[in-house]
Amino acid sequence: MASLRISLGYEVEVRGRTRDVERRAFENTLAQAELADELGYEAAWLVEHHFTRGFSHSSAPDLVLAAVSQRTRNLRLGLGVVLLPFQPPVRTAERVATLDVLSGGRVEFGTGRGASPLEYQTFQRPFEQSRRIWEESLDAVLEIWRADGDPVTLDSPYFQVPGVSVLPRPVQDPHPPVWVASTSLEGYLAAARRGHHLLGMTMLKGLDDVAEDIAAYRRRLAESGFDPDSRRVALMVPWHVAPTRDEALETAADAVLWYIRRQINLVTPPGYYDARHATHRVLGQLAAGMPPEEALDVLREHHMVVIDDAAGSREAVRRIAEAGATDLLLQAQVGGLAHEHVCNCLKLFRQEVAPS
């Protein structure tokens, strides 16, 4: 457990439709990041989503993390993830490098292609070509950074870089650590072939199936010429710890179920089947449709969420480390949970579950 790095993960959910509720969600995120820095958490990761009212208002994570960078000293800043197909690689390279400069070299560069056809429609990108756009965009961003300020010329069907110097350069040389986010085995293997760190979650398949995919990711790393022990695997899990299990459930059950049902409906809409087991609907989708108590039992049993006391949380941390994770991203601010409860969770986790 000592080797498992503990970070925070944020969707910036907003339960309510007023501007004031939305504003407070961002204020709470910044305050929690400051607390996390004081408590010795590793990083704060923010997703990028668009057009998802309530579920996630984190459409500009680099701006939020820029604010976090000025309020913290040690907390690393995770872009979890930049949706590369939706902006030119030059802009990605500029903005991420600027954040790295402002933070003194604390950026973790998570990348992904997104899963929303609506986002692709709005940004006028071909959804059926999303993997190729992501791959070419990521290659371009890394080439720009490795050029170290020298002019770069690139020509792709999706973008052009006409012999320009792209500045500023990131503080981390040659660039921030690169992560790939995925919910499928195919995505895990794509990350391994390129030697990138992996961002995953347990809320779709459950921990046992995710552990199998992590093992396959590590095997593919070795086959591709990379040292598996040098690559990190982070799992994001909705989590609430309280002095007793009953108190944890009373405080967080409604918020977690509210979030899970919105997450599942976005990531696995009706009719979706897991790519590896085409005849079976994914576990998370099944759980989301159950009555509340039954749903919580399934979600907790498979470590898709953790709502427990300190002892139960310690056991969950042990299981996640056994599954092959090197990093745990606590989704402590989940489903509009009150700021006070989130802060209490962060403190108790550091005091009794995984002391820094």
Protein backbone atom coordinates (compact mmCIF):
# COMPACT_ATOMS: atom_id res chain seq x y z
CA MET A 1 0.00 0.00 0.00
CA ALA A 2 2.88 2.38 0.65
CA SER A 3 3.80 2.36 -3.03
CA LEU A 4 0.29 3.21 -4.24
CA ARG A 5 0.20 6.92 -5.04
CA ILE A 6 -3.06 8.62 -4.02
CA SER A 7 -4.52 11.44 -6.10
CA LEU A 8 -7.90 13.10 -6.64
CA GLY A 9 -10.08 12.91 -9.74
CA TYR A 10 -12.69 15.51 -10.72
CA GLU A 11 -15.59 15.66 -13.15
CA VAL A 12 -16.92 18.91 -11.57
CA GLU A 13 -20.49 17.66 -11.25
CA VAL A 14 -23.16 20.30 -10.69
CA ARG A 15 -26.48 19.29 -9.08
CA GLY A 16 -28.72 22.26 -9.71
CA ARG A 17 -29.15 24.74 -12.56
CA THR A 18 -28.30 28.11 -11.02
CA ARG A 19 -25.13 30.01 -11.80
CA ASP A 20 -24.40 30.15 -8.09
CA VAL A 21 -24.40 26.35 -7.75
CA GLU A 22 -22.06 26.08 -10.72
CA ARG A 23 -19.72 28.72 -9.31
CA ARG A 24 -19.57 26.98 -5.92
CA ALA A 25 -18.65 23.68 -7.58
CA PHE A 26 -15.51 25.30 -9.00
CA GLU A 27 -14.71 27.11 -5.74
CA ASN A 28 -14.99 23.81 -3.86
CA THR A 29 -12.69 22.10 -6.36
CA LEU A 30 -10.00 24.75 -5.81
CA ALA A 31 -10.37 24.60 -2.02
CA GLN A 32 -10.15 20.80 -2.03
CA ALA A 33 -7.01 20.94 -4.17
CA GLU A 34 -5.40 23.24 -1.61
CA LEU A 35 -6.34 20.83 1.17
CA ALA A 36 -4.99 17.89 -0.85
CA ASP A 37 -1.68 19.69 -1.25
CA GLU A 38 -1.45 20.20 2.51
CA LEU A 39 -2.32 16.54 3.17
CA GLY A 40 0.29 15.17 0.79
CA TYR A 41 -1.85 13.85 -2.06
CA GLU A 42 0.02 13.17 -5.29
CA ALA A 43 -2.06 15.02 -7.90
CA ALA A 44 -5.41 16.50 -8.86
CA TRP A 45 -6.79 15.25 -12.18
CA LEU A 46 -9.52 17.02 -14.14
CA VAL A 47 -11.44 15.50 -17.02
CA GLU A 48 -12.48 17.25 -20.22
CA HIS A 49 -16.14 16.91 -21.18
CA HIS A 50 -18.47 19.08 -23.23
CA PHE A 51 -22.24 19.61 -23.25
CA THR A 52 -22.91 17.33 -20.24
CA ARG A 53 -25.12 19.37 -17.91
CA GLY A 54 -24.85 18.26 -14.31
CA PHE A 55 -22.61 15.26 -14.95
CA SER A 56 -19.50 17.33 -15.76
CA HIS A 57 -18.88 21.04 -16.17
CA SER A 58 -15.13 20.53 -16.67
CA SER A 59 -14.88 21.80 -20.24
CA ALA A 60 -11.64 23.79 -19.66
CA PRO A 61 -9.51 21.71 -17.28
CA ASP A 62 -6.27 23.51 -18.13
CA LEU A 63 -7.74 26.79 -16.86
CA VAL A 64 -8.85 25.22 -13.59
CA LEU A 65 -5.47 23.57 -13.14
CA ALA A 66 -3.74 26.88 -13.86
CA ALA A 67 -5.66 28.30 -10.90
CA VAL A 68 -4.74 25.26 -8.80
CA SER A 69 -1.07 25.75 -9.72
CA GLN A 70 -1.05 29.16 -8.05
CA ARG A 71 -2.66 27.88 -4.83
CA THR A 72 -0.47 24.78 -4.31
CA ARG A 73 3.22 23.94 -4.06
CA ASN A 74 3.66 20.20 -4.57
CA LEU A 75 0.40 18.86 -6.00
CA ARG A 76 0.85 17.58 -9.55
CA LEU A 77 -1.66 18.67 -12.15
CA GLY A 78 -3.33 15.93 -14.16
CA LEU A 79 -5.08 16.59 -17.45
CA GLY A 80 -7.32 13.58 -17.43
CA VAL A 81 -7.66 13.93 -20.36
CA VAL A 82 -7.06 16.41 -23.18
CA LEU A 83 -9.43 15.36 -25.98
CA LEU A 84 -6.87 15.68 -28.75
CA PRO A 85 -9.18 15.46 -31.79
CA PHE A 86 -11.00 18.68 -30.89
CA GLN A 87 -8.16 21.20 -31.27
CA PRO A 88 -5.05 21.54 -33.43
CA PRO A 89 -1.90 19.95 -31.99
CA VAL A 90 -0.20 23.35 -31.94
CA ARG A 91 -2.79 24.67 -29.50
CA THR A 92 -2.51 21.58 -27.30
CA ALA A 93 1.30 21.90 -27.21
CA GLU A 94 1.11 25.61 -26.38
CA ARG A 95 -1.50 25.36 -23.63
CA VAL A 96 -0.06 22.30 -21.86
CA ALA A 97 3.46 23.74 -22.00
CA THR A 98 2.18 27.04 -20.58
CA LEU A 99 0.57 25.16 -17.68
CA ASP A 100 3.84 23.31 -17.11
CA VAL A 101 5.70 26.63 -16.99
CA LEU A 102 3.20 28.23 -14.61
CA SER A 103 3.31 25.23 -12.28
CA GLY A 104 7.07 24.78 -12.26
CA GLY A 105 6.91 21.46 -14.11
CA ARG A 106 4.04 19.69 -12.37
CA VAL A 107 1.87 18.63 -15.35
CA GLU A 108 0.75 15.06 -16.09
CA PHE A 109 -0.40 14.99 -19.73
CA GLY A 110 -3.37 12.65 -20.09
CA THR A 111 -4.73 12.12 -23.59
CA GLY A 112 -7.80 10.54 -25.11
CA ARG A 113 -10.12 10.57 -28.09
CA GLY A 114 -13.45 10.93 -26.30
CA ALA A 115 -16.55 8.77 -26.52
CA SER A 116 -19.31 11.25 -27.36
CA PRO A 117 -20.69 11.44 -30.92
CA LEU A 118 -22.27 14.79 -29.95
CA GLU A 119 -18.84 16.25 -29.20
CA TYR A 120 -17.54 15.06 -32.58
CA GLN A 121 -20.58 16.49 -34.34
CA THR A 122 -20.23 19.87 -32.62
CA PHE A 123 -16.48 20.12 -33.21
CA GLN A 124 -16.98 18.89 -36.79
CA ARG A 125 -14.68 15.89 -36.58
CA PRO A 126 -15.41 12.42 -38.04
CA PHE A 127 -16.23 10.11 -35.13
CA GLU A 128 -15.42 6.98 -37.14
CA GLN A 129 -11.84 8.25 -37.56
CA SER A 130 -11.37 9.23 -33.91
CA ARG A 131 -8.58 6.76 -33.13
CA ARG A 132 -6.48 7.84 -36.12
CA ILE A 133 -7.00 11.54 -35.33
CA TRP A 134 -5.96 10.92 -31.72
CA GLU A 135 -2.85 9.00 -32.74
CA GLU A 136 -1.69 11.56 -35.29
CA SER A 137 -2.45 14.46 -32.94
CA LEU A 138 -0.50 12.90 -30.08
CA ASP A 139 2.47 12.17 -32.33
CA ALA A 140 2.39 15.79 -33.50
CA VAL A 141 2.29 17.25 -29.98
CA LEU A 142 5.23 15.11 -28.89
CA GLU A 143 7.22 16.00 -32.01
CA ILE A 144 6.61 19.70 -31.34
CA TRP A 145 7.91 19.38 -27.78
CA ARG A 146 10.91 17.30 -28.80
CA ALA A 147 11.83 19.95 -31.36
CA ASP A 148 12.74 22.17 -28.37
CA GLY A 149 11.56 25.36 -30.03
CA ASP A 150 12.94 24.65 -33.50
CA PRO A 151 10.54 25.00 -36.44
CA VAL A 152 8.26 22.03 -37.09
CA THR A 153 6.58 21.06 -40.36
CA LEU A 154 3.78 18.49 -40.33
CA ASP A 155 1.12 17.62 -42.88
CA SER A 156 -1.87 15.46 -41.96
CA PRO A 157 -5.36 15.10 -43.40
CA TYR A 158 -6.57 16.58 -40.09
CA PHE A 159 -4.09 19.44 -39.46
CA GLN A 160 -1.01 21.22 -40.78
CA VAL A 161 2.02 22.72 -39.01
CA PRO A 162 3.77 24.96 -41.58
CA GLY A 163 7.36 25.21 -40.34
CA VAL A 164 6.73 27.23 -37.19
CA SER A 165 8.37 27.38 -33.76
CA VAL A 166 5.80 26.48 -31.12
CA LEU A 167 6.36 28.17 -27.77
CA PRO A 168 6.67 28.12 -24.82
CA ARG A 169 8.53 24.89 -24.18
CA PRO A 170 7.48 22.76 -21.20
CA VAL A 171 9.66 22.83 -18.11
CA GLN A 172 9.82 19.01 -18.03
CA ASP A 173 12.37 17.83 -20.58
CA PRO A 174 11.49 16.77 -23.18
CA HIS A 175 7.83 16.92 -22.07
CA PRO A 176 5.40 16.00 -19.25
CA PRO A 177 4.63 12.31 -18.63
CA VAL A 178 2.14 10.99 -21.20
CA TRP A 179 -0.93 9.01 -20.15
CA VAL A 180 -3.64 7.36 -22.24
CA ALA A 181 -7.19 6.99 -20.92
CA SER A 182 -9.31 4.02 -21.89
CA THR A 183 -12.20 1.85 -20.72
CA SER A 184 -11.50 -1.01 -23.15
CA LEU A 185 -8.84 -3.69 -23.58
CA GLU A 186 -8.19 -2.37 -27.08
CA GLY A 187 -7.33 1.03 -25.63
CA TYR A 188 -5.10 -0.50 -22.96
CA LEU A 189 -3.11 -2.33 -25.63
CA ALA A 190 -2.85 0.82 -27.79
CA ALA A 191 -1.30 2.65 -24.82
CA ALA A 192 1.11 -0.24 -24.22
CA ARG A 193 2.30 -0.35 -27.84
CA ARG A 194 3.40 3.28 -27.48
CA GLY A 195 4.83 2.85 -24.00
CA HIS A 196 2.50 5.35 -22.33
CA HIS A 197 1.13 5.31 -18.80
CA LEU A 198 -2.49 4.18 -18.41
CA LEU A 199 -5.59 5.86 -16.98
CA GLY A 200 -8.52 3.56 -16.29
CA MET A 201 -11.61 3.09 -14.15
CA THR A 202 -13.46 0.23 -12.47
CA MET A 203 -17.03 1.44 -12.79
CA LEU A 204 -17.80 -0.37 -16.05
CA LYS A 205 -16.36 -3.87 -15.66
CA GLY A 206 -15.42 -4.18 -12.01
CA LEU A 207 -11.98 -4.69 -10.52
CA ASP A 208 -11.43 -8.35 -11.46
CA ASP A 209 -11.95 -7.74 -15.19
CA VAL A 210 -9.87 -4.56 -15.04
CA ALA A 211 -7.06 -6.54 -13.38
CA GLU A 212 -7.07 -8.92 -16.37
CA ASP A 213 -6.81 -5.97 -18.74
CA ILE A 214 -3.94 -4.44 -16.72
CA ALA A 215 -2.07 -7.75 -16.93
CA ALA A 216 -2.57 -7.75 -20.71
CA TYR A 217 -1.35 -4.12 -20.85
CA ARG A 218 1.85 -5.09 -18.99
CA ARG A 219 2.46 -8.07 -21.26
CA ARG A 220 2.07 -5.87 -24.33
CA LEU A 221 4.48 -3.31 -22.85
CA ALA A 222 7.14 -6.02 -22.58
CA GLU A 223 6.40 -7.30 -26.09
CA SER A 224 6.79 -3.74 -27.39
CA GLY A 225 10.19 -3.28 -25.76
CA PHE A 226 9.18 -1.28 -22.69
CA ASP A 227 9.88 -2.10 -19.05
CA PRO A 228 6.45 -2.72 -17.45
CA ASP A 229 7.80 -1.70 -14.04
CA SER A 230 8.59 1.78 -15.39
CA ARG A 231 5.00 2.47 -16.47
CA ARG A 232 2.19 3.60 -14.19
CA VAL A 233 -1.44 2.52 -14.08
CA ALA A 234 -4.00 4.81 -12.44
CA LEU A 235 -7.57 3.79 -11.63
CA MET A 236 -10.26 6.38 -10.86
CA VAL A 237 -12.86 5.21 -8.32
CA PRO A 238 -15.76 7.09 -6.66
CA TRP A 239 -14.83 6.88 -2.98
CA HIS A 240 -16.17 7.98 0.38
CA VAL A 241 -14.73 7.01 3.75
CA ALA A 242 -16.34 7.91 7.08
CA PRO A 243 -15.87 6.85 10.73
CA THR A 244 -18.42 4.03 10.26
CA ARG A 245 -19.75 2.15 7.24
CA ASP A 246 -23.32 3.20 8.04
CA GLU A 247 -22.28 6.84 8.19
CA ALA A 248 -20.44 6.53 4.87
CA LEU A 249 -23.51 5.01 3.20
CA GLU A 250 -25.89 7.54 4.71
CA THR A 251 -23.70 10.41 3.54
CA ALA A 252 -22.64 9.31 0.07
CA ALA A 253 -24.95 6.61 -1.31
CA ASP A 254 -27.37 8.98 -3.06
CA ALA A 255 -24.58 11.12 -4.53
CA VAL A 256 -22.66 8.12 -5.85
CA LEU A 257 -25.73 6.49 -7.43
CA TRP A 258 -26.70 9.81 -9.02
CA TYR A 259 -23.26 10.05 -10.56
CA ILE A 260 -22.97 6.41 -11.63
CA ARG A 261 -26.25 6.46 -13.51
CA ARG A 262 -25.23 9.53 -15.46
CA GLN A 263 -21.74 8.17 -16.12
CA ILE A 264 -22.99 4.80 -17.34
CA ASN A 265 -25.62 6.34 -19.61
CA LEU A 266 -22.97 8.55 -21.21
CA VAL A 267 -20.16 6.00 -21.51
CA THR A 268 -22.34 2.96 -22.24
CA PRO A 269 -25.66 4.10 -23.70
CA PRO A 270 -28.53 1.62 -24.18
CA GLY A 271 -27.51 -1.19 -26.52
CA TYR A 272 -23.77 -0.91 -25.74
CA TYR A 273 -21.82 -4.14 -25.30
CA ASP A 274 -18.32 -4.61 -23.97
CA ALA A 275 -15.90 -4.97 -26.89
CA ARG A 276 -14.19 -8.01 -25.41
CA HIS A 277 -17.38 -9.89 -24.48
CA ALA A 278 -19.80 -8.88 -27.19
CA THR A 279 -22.62 -11.04 -25.85
CA HIS A 280 -22.67 -9.50 -22.37
CA ARG A 281 -23.74 -6.03 -21.32
CA VAL A 282 -21.13 -4.40 -19.14
CA LEU A 283 -21.51 -4.87 -15.40
CA GLY A 284 -21.78 -1.17 -14.63
CA GLN A 285 -24.70 -0.74 -17.01
CA LEU A 286 -26.54 -3.62 -15.37
CA ALA A 287 -25.91 -2.22 -11.88
CA ALA A 288 -27.11 1.25 -12.84
CA GLY A 289 -30.53 -0.17 -13.69
CA MET A 290 -31.03 -2.00 -10.38
CA PRO A 291 -32.95 -0.74 -7.31
CA PRO A 292 -30.71 1.49 -5.14
CA GLU A 293 -29.74 -1.01 -2.42
CA GLU A 294 -29.10 -3.82 -4.90
CA ALA A 295 -27.13 -1.48 -7.16
CA LEU A 296 -24.91 -0.37 -4.28
CA ASP A 297 -24.26 -3.97 -3.27
CA VAL A 298 -23.07 -4.85 -6.79
CA LEU A 299 -21.03 -1.66 -7.21
CA ARG A 300 -19.29 -2.09 -3.85
CA GLU A 301 -18.73 -5.83 -4.24
CA HIS A 302 -16.82 -5.30 -7.48
CA HIS A 303 -14.95 -2.18 -6.25
CA MET A 304 -16.64 -0.04 -8.89
CA VAL A 305 -17.22 2.35 -5.99
CA VAL A 306 -15.96 2.32 -2.41
CA ILE A 307 -18.23 3.60 0.37
CA ASP A 308 -16.90 2.32 3.67
CA ASP A 309 -15.13 2.92 6.95
CA ALA A 310 -11.34 3.13 7.25
CA ALA A 311 -10.82 -0.62 7.63
CA GLY A 312 -12.94 -1.40 4.60
CA SER A 313 -11.16 1.32 2.64
CA ARG A 314 -7.76 -0.11 3.55
CA GLU A 315 -8.85 -3.49 2.22
CA ALA A 316 -10.10 -1.86 -1.00
CA VAL A 317 -6.77 -0.07 -1.44
CA ARG A 318 -4.97 -3.40 -0.99
CA ARG A 319 -7.18 -5.05 -3.64
CA ILE A 320 -6.60 -2.21 -6.10
CA ALA A 321 -2.84 -2.45 -5.66
CA GLU A 322 -3.04 -6.23 -6.13
CA ALA A 323 -4.92 -5.65 -9.39
CA GLY A 324 -1.83 -3.92 -10.79
CA ALA A 325 -2.54 -0.25 -10.17
CA THR A 326 0.29 2.07 -9.14
CA ASP A 327 -1.96 5.10 -8.65
CA LEU A 328 -5.43 5.54 -7.15
CA LEU A 329 -7.52 8.54 -8.18
CA LEU A 330 -10.13 9.14 -5.49
CA GLN A 331 -13.32 10.62 -6.83
CA ALA A 332 -14.21 12.09 -3.46
CA GLN A 333 -16.14 15.05 -4.89
CA VAL A 334 -18.86 13.04 -6.58
CA GLY A 335 -22.51 13.59 -7.37
CA GLY A 336 -22.74 16.99 -5.72
CA LEU A 337 -21.61 15.71 -2.31
CA ALA A 338 -21.36 18.56 0.19
CA HIS A 339 -17.95 20.22 0.40
CA GLU A 340 -17.73 19.54 4.15
CA HIS A 341 -18.17 15.79 3.62
CA VAL A 342 -15.54 15.74 0.87
CA CYS A 343 -12.99 17.49 3.07
CA ASN A 344 -13.72 15.11 5.96
CA CYS A 345 -13.19 12.17 3.61
CA LEU A 346 -9.86 13.53 2.35
CA LYS A 347 -8.60 14.03 5.89
CA LEU A 348 -9.74 10.64 7.20
CA PHE A 349 -8.31 8.85 4.19
CA ARG A 350 -4.88 10.36 4.87
CA GLN A 351 -5.09 9.77 8.62
CA GLU A 352 -6.35 6.19 8.71
CA VAL A 353 -6.38 4.61 5.24
CA ALA A 354 -3.18 5.59 3.46
CA PRO A 355 -1.03 8.01 5.48
CA SER A 356 1.36 10.05 3.39
